[in-house]
N, C-alpha and C. Protein backbone atom coordinates (compact mmCIF):
# COMPACT_ATOMS: atom_id res chain seq x y z
N UNK A 1 -6.01 11.06 -54.27
CA UNK A 1 -5.57 10.24 -55.37
C UNK A 1 -6.75 9.80 -56.23
N UNK A 2 -7.90 9.47 -55.58
CA UNK A 2 -9.06 9.02 -56.33
C UNK A 2 -9.61 10.09 -57.27
N UNK A 3 -9.68 11.38 -56.86
CA UNK A 3 -10.16 12.39 -57.81
C UNK A 3 -9.28 12.46 -59.06
N UNK A 4 -7.98 12.30 -58.90
CA UNK A 4 -7.08 12.35 -60.05
C UNK A 4 -7.35 11.17 -60.98
N UNK A 5 -7.56 9.97 -60.41
CA UNK A 5 -7.86 8.80 -61.21
C UNK A 5 -9.16 9.00 -61.98
N UNK A 6 -10.18 9.58 -61.31
CA UNK A 6 -11.45 9.84 -61.97
C UNK A 6 -11.30 10.83 -63.12
N UNK A 7 -10.48 11.87 -62.91
CA UNK A 7 -10.24 12.85 -63.95
C UNK A 7 -9.55 12.21 -65.15
N UNK A 8 -8.54 11.40 -64.89
CA UNK A 8 -7.83 10.73 -65.98
C UNK A 8 -8.75 9.80 -66.75
N UNK A 9 -9.62 9.09 -66.04
CA UNK A 9 -10.57 8.20 -66.69
C UNK A 9 -11.55 9.01 -67.55
N UNK A 10 -12.05 10.12 -67.04
CA UNK A 10 -12.98 10.96 -67.79
C UNK A 10 -12.34 11.51 -69.06
N UNK A 11 -11.10 11.96 -68.95
CA UNK A 11 -10.38 12.47 -70.13
C UNK A 11 -10.18 11.35 -71.13
N UNK A 12 -9.81 10.17 -70.65
CA UNK A 12 -9.62 9.02 -71.54
C UNK A 12 -10.89 8.66 -72.28
N UNK A 13 -12.03 8.70 -71.59
CA UNK A 13 -13.30 8.41 -72.24
C UNK A 13 -13.64 9.46 -73.28
N UNK A 14 -13.37 10.74 -72.98
CA UNK A 14 -13.63 11.80 -73.96
C UNK A 14 -12.80 11.61 -75.21
N UNK A 15 -11.53 11.30 -75.03
CA UNK A 15 -10.64 11.10 -76.18
C UNK A 15 -11.12 9.92 -77.00
N UNK A 16 -11.50 8.84 -76.33
CA UNK A 16 -12.00 7.67 -77.04
C UNK A 16 -13.26 7.97 -77.82
N UNK A 17 -14.20 8.69 -77.21
CA UNK A 17 -15.44 9.05 -77.90
C UNK A 17 -15.17 9.98 -79.06
N UNK A 18 -14.24 10.91 -78.88
CA UNK A 18 -13.91 11.84 -79.97
C UNK A 18 -13.33 11.09 -81.15
N UNK A 19 -12.47 10.11 -80.90
CA UNK A 19 -11.86 9.40 -82.02
C UNK A 19 -12.90 8.56 -82.75
N UNK A 20 -13.89 8.01 -82.03
CA UNK A 20 -14.94 7.25 -82.69
C UNK A 20 -15.78 8.20 -83.54
N UNK A 21 -16.11 9.37 -83.02
CA UNK A 21 -16.90 10.32 -83.77
C UNK A 21 -16.17 10.78 -85.02
N UNK A 22 -14.87 10.96 -84.95
CA UNK A 22 -14.12 11.43 -86.11
C UNK A 22 -14.07 10.38 -87.22
N UNK A 23 -14.06 9.10 -86.86
CA UNK A 23 -14.02 8.07 -87.88
C UNK A 23 -15.27 8.09 -88.74
N UNK A 24 -16.38 8.49 -88.15
CA UNK A 24 -17.62 8.54 -88.89
C UNK A 24 -17.96 9.94 -89.38
N UNK A 25 -16.95 10.81 -89.58
CA UNK A 25 -17.21 12.21 -89.92
C UNK A 25 -17.83 12.36 -91.31
N UNK A 26 -18.48 13.47 -91.50
CA UNK A 26 -19.12 13.80 -92.76
C UNK A 26 -18.08 14.38 -93.70
N UNK A 27 -17.89 13.77 -94.85
CA UNK A 27 -16.87 14.20 -95.81
C UNK A 27 -17.11 15.63 -96.28
N UNK A 28 -18.35 16.08 -96.36
CA UNK A 28 -18.63 17.45 -96.80
C UNK A 28 -18.16 18.47 -95.77
N UNK A 29 -18.19 18.09 -94.50
CA UNK A 29 -17.76 19.02 -93.44
C UNK A 29 -16.25 19.05 -93.30
N UNK A 30 -15.56 18.05 -93.83
CA UNK A 30 -14.10 17.97 -93.74
C UNK A 30 -13.53 17.73 -95.13
N UNK A 31 -13.29 18.81 -95.88
CA UNK A 31 -12.82 18.66 -97.25
C UNK A 31 -11.43 18.03 -97.32
N UNK A 32 -11.04 17.71 -98.53
CA UNK A 32 -9.73 17.12 -98.76
C UNK A 32 -8.63 18.05 -98.23
N UNK A 33 -7.49 17.49 -97.87
CA UNK A 33 -6.40 18.32 -97.35
C UNK A 33 -5.95 19.37 -98.37
N UNK A 34 -5.57 20.52 -97.86
CA UNK A 34 -5.00 21.57 -98.70
C UNK A 34 -3.59 21.15 -99.12
N UNK A 35 -3.16 21.58 -100.27
CA UNK A 35 -1.83 21.22 -100.75
C UNK A 35 -0.91 22.43 -100.72
N UNK A 36 0.37 22.17 -100.67
CA UNK A 36 1.41 23.19 -100.67
C UNK A 36 1.25 24.18 -99.53
N UNK A 37 1.08 23.66 -98.35
CA UNK A 37 1.06 24.46 -97.14
C UNK A 37 2.32 24.14 -96.35
N UNK A 38 2.70 25.06 -95.50
CA UNK A 38 3.87 24.85 -94.64
C UNK A 38 3.53 25.22 -93.20
N UNK A 39 4.29 24.63 -92.30
CA UNK A 39 4.23 25.00 -90.89
C UNK A 39 5.49 25.80 -90.63
N UNK A 40 5.31 27.07 -90.29
CA UNK A 40 6.44 27.93 -89.97
C UNK A 40 6.53 28.09 -88.46
N UNK A 41 7.72 27.89 -87.93
CA UNK A 41 7.98 28.13 -86.52
C UNK A 41 9.01 29.24 -86.43
N UNK A 42 8.70 30.27 -85.67
CA UNK A 42 9.62 31.37 -85.44
C UNK A 42 10.00 31.37 -83.97
N UNK A 43 11.29 31.46 -83.70
CA UNK A 43 11.81 31.42 -82.33
C UNK A 43 12.33 32.80 -81.95
N UNK A 44 11.69 33.40 -80.94
CA UNK A 44 12.02 34.75 -80.49
C UNK A 44 12.63 34.69 -79.11
N UNK A 45 13.83 35.23 -78.93
CA UNK A 45 14.39 35.40 -77.60
C UNK A 45 13.76 36.62 -76.98
N UNK A 46 13.22 36.47 -75.75
CA UNK A 46 12.52 37.61 -75.16
C UNK A 46 13.13 38.09 -73.85
N UNK A 47 14.24 37.54 -73.44
CA UNK A 47 14.88 38.02 -72.22
C UNK A 47 15.59 36.90 -71.50
N UNK A 48 16.30 37.25 -70.45
CA UNK A 48 17.02 36.25 -69.69
C UNK A 48 16.06 35.23 -69.11
N UNK A 49 16.46 33.98 -69.10
CA UNK A 49 15.61 32.91 -68.58
C UNK A 49 15.25 33.21 -67.13
N UNK A 50 13.98 33.06 -66.82
CA UNK A 50 13.50 33.31 -65.46
C UNK A 50 13.35 34.77 -65.10
N UNK A 51 13.64 35.67 -66.03
CA UNK A 51 13.63 37.09 -65.71
C UNK A 51 12.64 37.89 -66.57
N UNK A 52 11.71 37.21 -67.24
CA UNK A 52 10.78 37.93 -68.10
C UNK A 52 9.73 38.60 -67.21
N UNK A 53 9.74 39.91 -67.22
CA UNK A 53 8.83 40.69 -66.38
C UNK A 53 7.54 41.00 -67.13
N UNK A 54 6.60 41.60 -66.43
CA UNK A 54 5.33 41.98 -67.05
C UNK A 54 5.57 42.90 -68.24
N UNK A 55 6.58 43.75 -68.16
CA UNK A 55 6.88 44.66 -69.28
C UNK A 55 7.26 43.86 -70.52
N UNK A 56 8.00 42.76 -70.35
CA UNK A 56 8.37 41.91 -71.47
C UNK A 56 7.15 41.24 -72.09
N UNK A 57 6.23 40.79 -71.25
CA UNK A 57 5.00 40.18 -71.75
C UNK A 57 4.15 41.21 -72.47
N UNK A 58 4.09 42.41 -71.93
CA UNK A 58 3.31 43.49 -72.57
C UNK A 58 3.92 43.82 -73.93
N UNK A 59 5.23 43.90 -74.00
CA UNK A 59 5.91 44.19 -75.27
C UNK A 59 5.63 43.09 -76.28
N UNK A 60 5.67 41.83 -75.83
CA UNK A 60 5.39 40.71 -76.74
C UNK A 60 3.96 40.79 -77.26
N UNK A 61 3.00 41.05 -76.38
CA UNK A 61 1.59 41.12 -76.79
C UNK A 61 1.37 42.27 -77.78
N UNK A 62 2.01 43.40 -77.53
CA UNK A 62 1.90 44.54 -78.46
C UNK A 62 2.50 44.18 -79.81
N UNK A 63 3.61 43.45 -79.80
CA UNK A 63 4.23 43.00 -81.05
C UNK A 63 3.29 42.06 -81.81
N UNK A 64 2.69 41.10 -81.10
CA UNK A 64 1.72 40.21 -81.75
C UNK A 64 0.58 41.00 -82.38
N UNK A 65 0.04 41.93 -81.62
CA UNK A 65 -1.09 42.72 -82.10
C UNK A 65 -0.74 43.59 -83.30
N UNK A 66 0.45 44.17 -83.29
CA UNK A 66 0.84 45.11 -84.35
C UNK A 66 1.44 44.44 -85.59
N UNK A 67 2.23 43.39 -85.39
CA UNK A 67 3.01 42.83 -86.50
C UNK A 67 2.55 41.46 -86.99
N UNK A 68 2.07 40.62 -86.09
CA UNK A 68 1.77 39.24 -86.47
C UNK A 68 0.30 39.07 -86.85
N UNK A 69 -0.60 39.45 -85.96
CA UNK A 69 -2.03 39.24 -86.19
C UNK A 69 -2.53 39.88 -87.49
N UNK A 70 -2.11 41.10 -87.84
CA UNK A 70 -2.57 41.66 -89.12
C UNK A 70 -2.11 40.84 -90.33
N UNK A 71 -0.99 40.15 -90.22
CA UNK A 71 -0.49 39.35 -91.33
C UNK A 71 -1.10 37.94 -91.36
N UNK A 72 -1.47 37.43 -90.19
CA UNK A 72 -2.04 36.08 -90.09
C UNK A 72 -3.30 36.11 -89.22
N UNK A 73 -4.34 36.83 -89.67
CA UNK A 73 -5.55 36.93 -88.85
C UNK A 73 -6.31 35.60 -88.76
N UNK A 74 -5.99 34.64 -89.63
CA UNK A 74 -6.68 33.36 -89.62
C UNK A 74 -6.35 32.54 -88.38
N UNK A 75 -5.20 32.82 -87.77
CA UNK A 75 -4.86 32.11 -86.55
C UNK A 75 -3.39 31.80 -86.43
N UNK A 76 -2.97 31.55 -85.21
CA UNK A 76 -1.58 31.25 -84.89
C UNK A 76 -1.54 30.62 -83.51
N UNK A 77 -0.39 30.08 -83.15
CA UNK A 77 -0.19 29.51 -81.83
C UNK A 77 1.14 30.01 -81.29
N UNK A 78 1.19 30.30 -80.00
CA UNK A 78 2.43 30.73 -79.34
C UNK A 78 2.70 29.80 -78.17
N UNK A 79 3.94 29.30 -78.11
CA UNK A 79 4.39 28.46 -77.00
C UNK A 79 5.43 29.21 -76.20
N UNK A 80 5.42 28.99 -74.90
CA UNK A 80 6.48 29.49 -74.03
C UNK A 80 7.67 28.56 -74.20
N UNK A 81 8.86 29.10 -74.16
CA UNK A 81 10.03 28.25 -74.32
C UNK A 81 11.22 28.76 -73.54
N UNK A 82 12.26 28.01 -73.67
CA UNK A 82 13.56 28.32 -73.08
C UNK A 82 14.58 27.96 -74.14
N UNK A 83 15.58 28.79 -74.31
CA UNK A 83 16.57 28.49 -75.32
C UNK A 83 17.97 28.86 -74.88
N UNK A 84 18.90 28.34 -75.63
CA UNK A 84 20.31 28.67 -75.44
C UNK A 84 20.88 29.09 -76.77
N UNK A 85 21.79 30.01 -76.72
CA UNK A 85 22.37 30.57 -77.94
C UNK A 85 23.80 30.96 -77.65
N UNK A 86 24.69 30.66 -78.55
CA UNK A 86 26.05 31.13 -78.42
C UNK A 86 26.40 31.83 -79.73
N UNK A 87 26.68 33.10 -79.63
CA UNK A 87 27.06 33.87 -80.81
C UNK A 87 28.37 33.36 -81.35
N UNK A 88 28.56 33.43 -82.66
CA UNK A 88 29.85 33.02 -83.22
C UNK A 88 31.00 33.78 -82.56
N UNK A 89 31.98 33.04 -82.10
CA UNK A 89 33.14 33.65 -81.47
C UNK A 89 33.00 33.86 -79.98
N UNK A 90 31.80 33.76 -79.45
CA UNK A 90 31.59 33.96 -78.01
C UNK A 90 31.97 32.69 -77.26
N UNK A 91 32.44 32.87 -76.03
CA UNK A 91 32.79 31.72 -75.21
C UNK A 91 31.62 31.22 -74.37
N UNK A 92 30.77 32.13 -73.95
CA UNK A 92 29.68 31.77 -73.05
C UNK A 92 28.37 31.55 -73.82
N UNK A 93 27.58 30.64 -73.30
CA UNK A 93 26.25 30.40 -73.83
C UNK A 93 25.29 31.38 -73.17
N UNK A 94 24.43 31.97 -73.97
CA UNK A 94 23.40 32.87 -73.44
C UNK A 94 22.11 32.06 -73.28
N UNK A 95 21.52 32.13 -72.11
CA UNK A 95 20.28 31.41 -71.84
C UNK A 95 19.15 32.43 -71.76
N UNK A 96 18.05 32.13 -72.48
CA UNK A 96 16.95 33.07 -72.47
C UNK A 96 15.59 32.44 -72.55
N UNK A 97 14.63 33.19 -72.06
CA UNK A 97 13.24 32.81 -72.26
C UNK A 97 12.93 33.02 -73.74
N UNK A 98 11.98 32.28 -74.24
CA UNK A 98 11.67 32.37 -75.66
C UNK A 98 10.18 32.23 -75.88
N UNK A 99 9.75 32.72 -77.01
CA UNK A 99 8.40 32.49 -77.51
C UNK A 99 8.57 31.77 -78.84
N UNK A 100 7.77 30.75 -79.05
CA UNK A 100 7.77 30.04 -80.33
C UNK A 100 6.42 30.30 -80.98
N UNK A 101 6.46 30.96 -82.12
CA UNK A 101 5.26 31.28 -82.87
C UNK A 101 5.10 30.23 -83.97
N UNK A 102 3.93 29.61 -84.03
CA UNK A 102 3.65 28.60 -85.05
C UNK A 102 2.50 29.11 -85.91
N UNK A 103 2.75 29.12 -87.23
CA UNK A 103 1.73 29.52 -88.18
C UNK A 103 1.72 28.49 -89.30
N UNK A 104 0.55 27.98 -89.62
CA UNK A 104 0.38 27.07 -90.75
C UNK A 104 -0.26 27.89 -91.86
N UNK A 105 0.40 27.91 -93.02
CA UNK A 105 -0.04 28.82 -94.08
C UNK A 105 0.28 28.27 -95.45
N UNK A 106 -0.35 28.87 -96.45
CA UNK A 106 -0.04 28.52 -97.83
C UNK A 106 1.40 28.91 -98.13
N UNK A 107 2.04 28.14 -98.98
CA UNK A 107 3.42 28.42 -99.35
C UNK A 107 3.45 29.32 -100.59
N UNK A 108 3.28 30.63 -100.34
CA UNK A 108 3.25 31.59 -101.43
C UNK A 108 4.30 32.67 -101.17
N UNK A 109 4.69 33.39 -102.22
CA UNK A 109 5.64 34.48 -102.01
C UNK A 109 5.14 35.52 -101.01
N UNK A 110 3.84 35.82 -101.01
CA UNK A 110 3.29 36.80 -100.07
C UNK A 110 3.43 36.32 -98.63
N UNK A 111 3.12 35.07 -98.39
CA UNK A 111 3.22 34.55 -97.02
C UNK A 111 4.67 34.50 -96.55
N UNK A 112 5.60 34.15 -97.44
CA UNK A 112 7.03 34.16 -97.07
C UNK A 112 7.46 35.60 -96.76
N UNK A 113 6.96 36.56 -97.52
CA UNK A 113 7.27 37.97 -97.26
C UNK A 113 6.69 38.41 -95.91
N UNK A 114 5.50 37.92 -95.58
CA UNK A 114 4.90 38.23 -94.28
C UNK A 114 5.79 37.72 -93.14
N UNK A 115 6.29 36.51 -93.28
CA UNK A 115 7.18 35.94 -92.24
C UNK A 115 8.44 36.78 -92.13
N UNK A 116 9.03 37.13 -93.26
CA UNK A 116 10.26 37.94 -93.23
C UNK A 116 10.01 39.30 -92.58
N UNK A 117 8.84 39.89 -92.85
CA UNK A 117 8.51 41.19 -92.24
C UNK A 117 8.38 41.07 -90.72
N UNK A 118 7.81 39.98 -90.25
CA UNK A 118 7.70 39.73 -88.81
C UNK A 118 9.09 39.59 -88.19
N UNK A 119 9.95 38.84 -88.83
CA UNK A 119 11.32 38.66 -88.31
C UNK A 119 12.07 39.99 -88.24
N UNK A 120 11.94 40.78 -89.31
CA UNK A 120 12.63 42.08 -89.35
C UNK A 120 12.08 43.03 -88.28
N UNK A 121 10.77 43.00 -88.08
CA UNK A 121 10.16 43.88 -87.08
C UNK A 121 10.65 43.52 -85.67
N UNK A 122 10.78 42.23 -85.38
CA UNK A 122 11.26 41.83 -84.05
C UNK A 122 12.73 42.23 -83.87
N UNK A 123 13.53 42.06 -84.90
CA UNK A 123 14.95 42.46 -84.79
C UNK A 123 15.06 43.95 -84.51
N UNK A 124 14.24 44.76 -85.19
CA UNK A 124 14.25 46.21 -84.94
C UNK A 124 13.81 46.52 -83.52
N UNK A 125 12.74 45.89 -83.07
CA UNK A 125 12.18 46.16 -81.76
C UNK A 125 13.09 45.71 -80.62
N UNK A 126 13.66 44.52 -80.77
CA UNK A 126 14.41 43.91 -79.67
C UNK A 126 15.91 44.15 -79.72
N UNK A 127 16.43 44.45 -80.91
CA UNK A 127 17.87 44.55 -81.08
C UNK A 127 18.53 43.19 -81.22
N UNK A 128 17.75 42.11 -81.28
CA UNK A 128 18.31 40.77 -81.46
C UNK A 128 18.95 40.64 -82.84
N UNK A 129 19.95 39.75 -82.91
CA UNK A 129 20.64 39.51 -84.17
C UNK A 129 19.76 38.76 -85.16
N UNK A 130 18.92 37.86 -84.66
CA UNK A 130 18.16 37.02 -85.58
C UNK A 130 16.90 36.48 -84.92
N UNK A 131 16.02 35.96 -85.76
CA UNK A 131 14.85 35.19 -85.35
C UNK A 131 14.92 33.92 -86.18
N UNK A 132 15.05 32.78 -85.51
CA UNK A 132 15.13 31.51 -86.22
C UNK A 132 13.80 31.20 -86.88
N UNK A 133 13.85 30.78 -88.15
CA UNK A 133 12.66 30.38 -88.88
C UNK A 133 12.86 28.94 -89.33
N UNK A 134 12.04 28.04 -88.82
CA UNK A 134 12.05 26.64 -89.26
C UNK A 134 10.74 26.39 -89.97
N UNK A 135 10.80 25.75 -91.13
CA UNK A 135 9.58 25.49 -91.88
C UNK A 135 9.61 24.10 -92.44
N UNK A 136 8.43 23.53 -92.55
CA UNK A 136 8.31 22.18 -93.12
C UNK A 136 6.97 22.05 -93.82
N UNK A 137 6.92 21.25 -94.88
CA UNK A 137 5.65 21.03 -95.56
C UNK A 137 4.70 20.24 -94.66
N UNK A 138 3.40 20.57 -94.75
CA UNK A 138 2.39 19.87 -93.96
C UNK A 138 1.14 19.61 -94.80
N UNK A 139 0.42 18.58 -94.42
CA UNK A 139 -0.90 18.33 -94.95
C UNK A 139 -1.89 18.88 -93.94
N UNK A 140 -2.82 19.68 -94.37
CA UNK A 140 -3.80 20.26 -93.45
C UNK A 140 -5.21 20.00 -93.95
N UNK A 141 -6.13 20.02 -93.04
CA UNK A 141 -7.54 19.91 -93.37
C UNK A 141 -8.30 20.67 -92.30
N UNK A 142 -9.35 21.33 -92.68
CA UNK A 142 -10.16 22.11 -91.74
C UNK A 142 -11.55 21.52 -91.63
């Protein structure tokens, strides 16, 4: 129990020191926030919940390498997820493992086209009916 308490205390001190350092940051190193950017989240069903095999992970990684990274080489984040879906008219809910892709990008026609191309590529590859796209405006700074 004591090692865990020590770890929590050390993490707390790091967070506290980081927040103090950020308050005194150099304005030249942290420019003003970018405007008209969005956070896009794409939700991909990748297989039955609890049943994603190594082949599914390999297919996902190949998809990221071929379709996503070339369009957003600046960076992205992927979360593991679980989802439920019921097709219109279906009685049963389908439960599946999911990947949530998060990309923060400029809100331009080209970037929206890149997102649509990623969604279309996954539908072709997986046979899924759709890829949910949620987007919201964000303030960003690097």
